[in-house]
N, C-alpha and C. Protein backbone atom coordinates (compact mmCIF):
# COMPACT_ATOMS: atom_id res chain seq x y z
N UNK A 1 -4.84 -1.11 -20.95
CA UNK A 1 -3.80 -0.13 -21.17
C UNK A 1 -2.90 0.00 -19.94
N UNK A 2 -3.54 0.11 -18.76
CA UNK A 2 -2.76 0.25 -17.53
C UNK A 2 -1.80 -0.92 -17.36
N UNK A 3 -2.30 -2.14 -17.54
CA UNK A 3 -1.45 -3.30 -17.33
C UNK A 3 -0.29 -3.35 -18.31
N UNK A 4 -0.51 -2.90 -19.53
CA UNK A 4 0.58 -2.87 -20.51
C UNK A 4 1.63 -1.84 -20.12
N UNK A 5 1.19 -0.66 -19.73
CA UNK A 5 2.12 0.42 -19.41
C UNK A 5 2.89 0.16 -18.12
N UNK A 6 2.29 -0.57 -17.19
CA UNK A 6 2.89 -0.76 -15.88
C UNK A 6 3.36 -2.20 -15.64
N UNK A 7 3.36 -3.01 -16.67
CA UNK A 7 3.71 -4.42 -16.53
C UNK A 7 5.09 -4.62 -15.92
N UNK A 8 6.06 -3.79 -16.31
CA UNK A 8 7.42 -3.97 -15.80
C UNK A 8 7.53 -3.72 -14.30
N UNK A 9 6.79 -2.76 -13.76
CA UNK A 9 6.86 -2.51 -12.32
C UNK A 9 6.19 -3.65 -11.56
N UNK A 10 5.09 -4.21 -12.10
CA UNK A 10 4.43 -5.34 -11.46
C UNK A 10 5.39 -6.53 -11.36
N UNK A 11 6.10 -6.81 -12.45
CA UNK A 11 7.04 -7.93 -12.47
C UNK A 11 8.15 -7.73 -11.45
N UNK A 12 8.68 -6.52 -11.37
CA UNK A 12 9.77 -6.24 -10.43
C UNK A 12 9.30 -6.35 -8.98
N UNK A 13 8.10 -5.87 -8.70
CA UNK A 13 7.55 -5.96 -7.34
C UNK A 13 7.27 -7.41 -6.96
N UNK A 14 6.74 -8.18 -7.90
CA UNK A 14 6.46 -9.58 -7.61
C UNK A 14 7.73 -10.38 -7.37
N UNK A 15 8.85 -9.98 -8.01
CA UNK A 15 10.13 -10.66 -7.81
C UNK A 15 10.61 -10.56 -6.35
N UNK A 16 10.27 -9.47 -5.65
CA UNK A 16 10.70 -9.35 -4.25
C UNK A 16 9.67 -9.94 -3.29
N UNK A 17 8.60 -10.52 -3.84
CA UNK A 17 7.65 -11.25 -3.01
C UNK A 17 6.46 -10.46 -2.51
N UNK A 18 6.19 -9.30 -3.09
CA UNK A 18 5.00 -8.54 -2.68
C UNK A 18 3.89 -8.75 -3.70
N UNK A 19 2.66 -8.59 -3.24
CA UNK A 19 1.51 -8.64 -4.14
C UNK A 19 1.15 -7.22 -4.52
N UNK A 20 0.75 -7.01 -5.77
CA UNK A 20 0.36 -5.66 -6.18
C UNK A 20 -0.93 -5.73 -7.00
N UNK A 21 -1.71 -4.70 -6.83
CA UNK A 21 -2.98 -4.55 -7.52
C UNK A 21 -2.99 -3.17 -8.14
N UNK A 22 -3.42 -3.07 -9.38
CA UNK A 22 -3.45 -1.78 -10.03
C UNK A 22 -4.77 -1.51 -10.71
N UNK A 23 -5.16 -0.26 -10.67
CA UNK A 23 -6.36 0.19 -11.38
C UNK A 23 -6.12 1.63 -11.79
N UNK A 24 -6.19 1.89 -13.08
CA UNK A 24 -5.89 3.22 -13.63
C UNK A 24 -4.54 3.70 -13.10
N UNK A 25 -4.52 4.80 -12.36
CA UNK A 25 -3.23 5.29 -11.85
C UNK A 25 -3.05 4.96 -10.37
N UNK A 26 -3.84 4.00 -9.85
CA UNK A 26 -3.74 3.59 -8.45
C UNK A 26 -2.98 2.27 -8.35
N UNK A 27 -2.15 2.16 -7.33
CA UNK A 27 -1.38 0.96 -7.11
C UNK A 27 -1.44 0.61 -5.63
N UNK A 28 -1.73 -0.65 -5.34
CA UNK A 28 -1.74 -1.14 -3.96
C UNK A 28 -0.71 -2.26 -3.87
N UNK A 29 0.14 -2.18 -2.86
CA UNK A 29 1.20 -3.17 -2.68
C UNK A 29 1.06 -3.75 -1.28
N UNK A 30 1.06 -5.08 -1.16
CA UNK A 30 1.03 -5.72 0.15
C UNK A 30 2.23 -6.64 0.29
N UNK A 31 2.85 -6.56 1.44
CA UNK A 31 4.01 -7.39 1.72
C UNK A 31 3.91 -7.99 3.11
N UNK A 32 4.78 -8.93 3.38
CA UNK A 32 4.74 -9.60 4.67
C UNK A 32 5.66 -8.98 5.70
N UNK A 33 6.50 -8.06 5.29
CA UNK A 33 7.43 -7.45 6.25
C UNK A 33 7.68 -5.99 5.91
N UNK A 34 8.15 -5.27 6.91
CA UNK A 34 8.51 -3.86 6.73
C UNK A 34 9.64 -3.75 5.71
N UNK A 35 10.58 -4.69 5.73
CA UNK A 35 11.69 -4.67 4.78
C UNK A 35 11.19 -4.81 3.34
N UNK A 36 10.21 -5.68 3.11
CA UNK A 36 9.63 -5.83 1.77
C UNK A 36 8.99 -4.52 1.32
N UNK A 37 8.27 -3.87 2.22
CA UNK A 37 7.60 -2.62 1.85
C UNK A 37 8.61 -1.53 1.52
N UNK A 38 9.70 -1.45 2.28
CA UNK A 38 10.74 -0.45 1.99
C UNK A 38 11.35 -0.71 0.61
N UNK A 39 11.61 -1.98 0.29
CA UNK A 39 12.15 -2.32 -1.04
C UNK A 39 11.15 -1.94 -2.13
N UNK A 40 9.86 -2.22 -1.88
CA UNK A 40 8.82 -1.91 -2.87
C UNK A 40 8.73 -0.41 -3.11
N UNK A 41 8.82 0.38 -2.05
CA UNK A 41 8.78 1.84 -2.20
C UNK A 41 9.96 2.31 -3.03
N UNK A 42 11.15 1.76 -2.79
CA UNK A 42 12.34 2.13 -3.56
C UNK A 42 12.16 1.76 -5.04
N UNK A 43 11.60 0.58 -5.30
CA UNK A 43 11.35 0.16 -6.68
C UNK A 43 10.40 1.14 -7.36
N UNK A 44 9.33 1.53 -6.65
CA UNK A 44 8.35 2.48 -7.22
C UNK A 44 9.00 3.84 -7.48
N UNK A 45 9.82 4.30 -6.54
CA UNK A 45 10.50 5.58 -6.74
C UNK A 45 11.41 5.54 -7.96
N UNK A 46 12.21 4.48 -8.09
CA UNK A 46 13.10 4.35 -9.24
C UNK A 46 12.32 4.26 -10.55
N UNK A 47 11.20 3.52 -10.52
CA UNK A 47 10.37 3.38 -11.72
C UNK A 47 9.79 4.72 -12.15
N UNK A 48 9.30 5.51 -11.18
CA UNK A 48 8.71 6.80 -11.54
C UNK A 48 9.76 7.76 -12.10
N UNK A 49 10.95 7.72 -11.55
CA UNK A 49 12.04 8.58 -12.08
C UNK A 49 12.35 8.17 -13.52
N UNK A 50 12.50 6.86 -13.74
CA UNK A 50 12.80 6.35 -15.09
C UNK A 50 11.72 6.73 -16.10
N UNK A 51 10.47 6.77 -15.65
CA UNK A 51 9.35 7.06 -16.54
C UNK A 51 8.86 8.50 -16.44
N UNK A 52 9.69 9.36 -15.84
CA UNK A 52 9.39 10.81 -15.74
C UNK A 52 8.03 11.06 -15.09
N UNK A 53 7.80 10.37 -13.97
CA UNK A 53 6.58 10.55 -13.20
C UNK A 53 6.97 10.84 -11.75
N UNK A 54 5.99 11.15 -10.93
CA UNK A 54 6.24 11.34 -9.50
C UNK A 54 5.18 10.63 -8.69
N UNK A 55 5.54 10.30 -7.45
CA UNK A 55 4.58 9.72 -6.51
C UNK A 55 3.96 10.87 -5.74
N UNK A 56 2.64 10.92 -5.71
CA UNK A 56 1.96 11.94 -4.92
C UNK A 56 1.88 11.43 -3.48
N UNK A 57 2.85 11.84 -2.68
CA UNK A 57 2.94 11.36 -1.30
C UNK A 57 1.76 11.81 -0.44
N UNK A 58 1.12 12.92 -0.82
CA UNK A 58 -0.05 13.38 -0.06
C UNK A 58 -1.26 12.49 -0.27
N UNK A 59 -1.27 11.73 -1.37
CA UNK A 59 -2.37 10.81 -1.65
C UNK A 59 -1.93 9.36 -1.47
N UNK A 60 -0.88 9.15 -0.69
CA UNK A 60 -0.35 7.81 -0.47
C UNK A 60 -0.38 7.48 1.01
N UNK A 61 -0.32 6.20 1.33
CA UNK A 61 -0.28 5.79 2.73
C UNK A 61 0.32 4.40 2.86
N UNK A 62 0.95 4.16 3.99
CA UNK A 62 1.53 2.86 4.30
C UNK A 62 0.77 2.31 5.50
N UNK A 63 0.27 1.08 5.37
CA UNK A 63 -0.39 0.40 6.48
C UNK A 63 0.48 -0.81 6.84
N UNK A 64 0.83 -0.90 8.11
CA UNK A 64 1.56 -2.06 8.60
C UNK A 64 0.51 -3.06 9.10
N UNK A 65 0.29 -4.12 8.33
CA UNK A 65 -0.76 -5.09 8.64
C UNK A 65 -0.36 -6.02 9.78
N UNK A 66 -1.38 -6.45 10.54
CA UNK A 66 -1.14 -7.39 11.63
C UNK A 66 -2.37 -8.25 11.85
N UNK A 67 -2.20 -9.32 12.60
CA UNK A 67 -3.30 -10.22 12.94
C UNK A 67 -4.10 -9.61 14.08
N UNK A 68 -5.39 -9.96 14.18
CA UNK A 68 -6.24 -9.47 15.26
C UNK A 68 -5.70 -9.88 16.63
N UNK A 69 -5.02 -11.00 16.68
CA UNK A 69 -4.54 -11.48 17.97
C UNK A 69 -3.41 -10.61 18.54
N UNK A 70 -2.79 -9.81 17.69
CA UNK A 70 -1.69 -8.97 18.14
C UNK A 70 -2.18 -7.56 18.43
N UNK A 71 -1.87 -7.09 19.61
CA UNK A 71 -2.22 -5.70 19.95
C UNK A 71 -1.13 -4.80 19.41
N UNK A 72 -1.53 -3.64 18.98
CA UNK A 72 -0.58 -2.69 18.44
C UNK A 72 0.16 -2.01 19.58
N UNK A 73 1.47 -2.17 19.59
CA UNK A 73 2.30 -1.50 20.58
C UNK A 73 2.81 -0.21 19.97
N UNK A 74 2.57 0.88 20.63
CA UNK A 74 3.01 2.16 20.10
C UNK A 74 4.28 2.58 20.84
N UNK A 75 5.38 2.60 20.13
CA UNK A 75 6.64 3.03 20.72
C UNK A 75 6.74 4.55 20.65
N UNK A 76 7.52 5.11 21.56
CA UNK A 76 7.68 6.57 21.57
C UNK A 76 8.27 7.07 20.26
N UNK A 77 9.16 6.26 19.69
CA UNK A 77 9.83 6.68 18.45
C UNK A 77 9.19 6.06 17.21
N UNK A 78 7.93 5.63 17.31
CA UNK A 78 7.26 5.00 16.18
C UNK A 78 7.24 5.95 14.99
N UNK A 79 7.51 5.39 13.83
CA UNK A 79 7.51 6.19 12.61
C UNK A 79 6.13 6.73 12.30
N UNK A 80 6.06 7.98 11.92
CA UNK A 80 4.81 8.59 11.46
C UNK A 80 4.76 8.62 9.94
N UNK A 81 5.96 8.50 9.33
CA UNK A 81 6.04 8.50 7.87
C UNK A 81 7.33 7.81 7.45
N UNK A 82 7.39 7.43 6.17
CA UNK A 82 8.60 6.86 5.60
C UNK A 82 8.77 7.45 4.21
N UNK A 83 9.91 8.08 3.97
CA UNK A 83 10.18 8.71 2.68
C UNK A 83 9.07 9.68 2.28
N UNK A 84 8.50 10.36 3.27
CA UNK A 84 7.45 11.34 2.99
C UNK A 84 6.06 10.76 2.84
N UNK A 85 5.93 9.44 2.97
CA UNK A 85 4.62 8.77 2.86
C UNK A 85 4.13 8.47 4.27
N UNK A 86 2.94 8.96 4.64
CA UNK A 86 2.46 8.73 6.00
C UNK A 86 2.17 7.26 6.29
N UNK A 87 2.46 6.84 7.52
CA UNK A 87 2.10 5.51 8.00
C UNK A 87 0.77 5.65 8.72
N UNK A 88 -0.24 4.90 8.24
CA UNK A 88 -1.60 5.08 8.73
C UNK A 88 -2.18 3.74 9.21
N UNK A 89 -3.24 3.81 10.01
CA UNK A 89 -3.93 2.60 10.48
C UNK A 89 -5.01 2.15 9.51
N UNK A 90 -5.52 3.09 8.71
CA UNK A 90 -6.51 2.75 7.69
C UNK A 90 -6.33 3.67 6.49
N UNK A 91 -6.78 3.19 5.33
CA UNK A 91 -6.59 3.95 4.09
C UNK A 91 -7.72 3.59 3.13
N UNK A 92 -8.24 4.59 2.46
CA UNK A 92 -9.30 4.36 1.48
C UNK A 92 -8.65 4.10 0.12
N UNK A 93 -8.91 2.92 -0.46
CA UNK A 93 -8.38 2.53 -1.75
C UNK A 93 -9.54 2.08 -2.64
N UNK A 94 -9.71 2.77 -3.75
CA UNK A 94 -10.78 2.49 -4.70
C UNK A 94 -12.15 2.43 -4.02
N UNK A 95 -12.37 3.34 -3.08
CA UNK A 95 -13.66 3.46 -2.43
C UNK A 95 -13.86 2.58 -1.21
N UNK A 96 -12.94 1.67 -0.94
CA UNK A 96 -13.05 0.81 0.24
C UNK A 96 -11.99 1.19 1.25
N UNK A 97 -12.40 1.27 2.51
CA UNK A 97 -11.44 1.61 3.56
C UNK A 97 -10.77 0.33 4.06
N UNK A 98 -9.46 0.25 3.87
CA UNK A 98 -8.67 -0.88 4.34
C UNK A 98 -8.09 -0.52 5.69
N UNK A 99 -8.03 -1.51 6.61
CA UNK A 99 -7.44 -1.23 7.91
C UNK A 99 -6.21 -2.11 8.13
N UNK A 100 -5.56 -1.92 9.27
CA UNK A 100 -4.32 -2.64 9.52
C UNK A 100 -4.51 -4.14 9.70
N UNK A 101 -5.75 -4.59 9.85
CA UNK A 101 -6.04 -6.02 10.00
C UNK A 101 -6.56 -6.65 8.71
N UNK A 102 -6.79 -5.84 7.67
CA UNK A 102 -7.35 -6.31 6.39
C UNK A 102 -8.61 -7.13 6.66
N UNK A 103 -9.48 -6.59 7.48
CA UNK A 103 -10.68 -7.27 7.96
C UNK A 103 -11.78 -7.21 6.91
N UNK A 104 -12.17 -8.36 6.39
CA UNK A 104 -13.23 -8.41 5.38
C UNK A 104 -14.58 -8.00 5.94
N UNK A 105 -14.78 -8.18 7.25
CA UNK A 105 -16.06 -7.78 7.85
C UNK A 105 -16.24 -6.27 7.69
N UNK A 106 -15.18 -5.50 7.89
CA UNK A 106 -15.28 -4.05 7.71
C UNK A 106 -15.61 -3.71 6.27
N UNK A 107 -14.98 -4.39 5.33
CA UNK A 107 -15.23 -4.14 3.91
C UNK A 107 -16.66 -4.51 3.56
N UNK A 108 -17.16 -5.64 4.06
CA UNK A 108 -18.55 -6.03 3.79
C UNK A 108 -19.53 -5.01 4.36
N UNK A 109 -19.27 -4.48 5.55
CA UNK A 109 -20.13 -3.45 6.13
C UNK A 109 -20.14 -2.20 5.25
N UNK A 110 -18.98 -1.81 4.72
CA UNK A 110 -18.90 -0.63 3.86
C UNK A 110 -19.71 -0.84 2.58
N UNK A 111 -19.60 -2.05 1.99
CA UNK A 111 -20.34 -2.34 0.77
C UNK A 111 -21.85 -2.32 1.05
N UNK A 112 -22.26 -2.84 2.19
CA UNK A 112 -23.68 -2.85 2.56
C UNK A 112 -24.20 -1.43 2.72
N UNK A 113 -23.41 -0.58 3.37
CA UNK A 113 -23.82 0.82 3.58
C UNK A 113 -23.93 1.54 2.24
N UNK A 114 -23.06 1.20 1.29
CA UNK A 114 -23.06 1.86 -0.01
C UNK A 114 -24.31 1.50 -0.82
N UNK A 115 -24.84 0.33 -0.59
CA UNK A 115 -26.02 -0.13 -1.34
C UNK A 115 -27.22 0.49 -0.75
């Protein structure tokens, strides 16, 4: 049901080059650049308006992914949020905590602890 109802937003997001995963009313979008993520957020906002829905910004988060080899540089004017959505270093999605490195070792540790 979810895939049928949300098929059009998945197609539009994939056209701009982002990957998206959906489960029930949860949506995860991954992109390779900040510009892609901003476009994806705009697409989601327009889609929710068209379908008379809203994005719950309090239950949303943006993670800027990076490689382990890169240290995170924190600028004085670093964004804390974008369009009311907080920018975070980690986020819990469908019970798994994702971090800015998308580290599978962290996910495997979480699954082991859950068992």
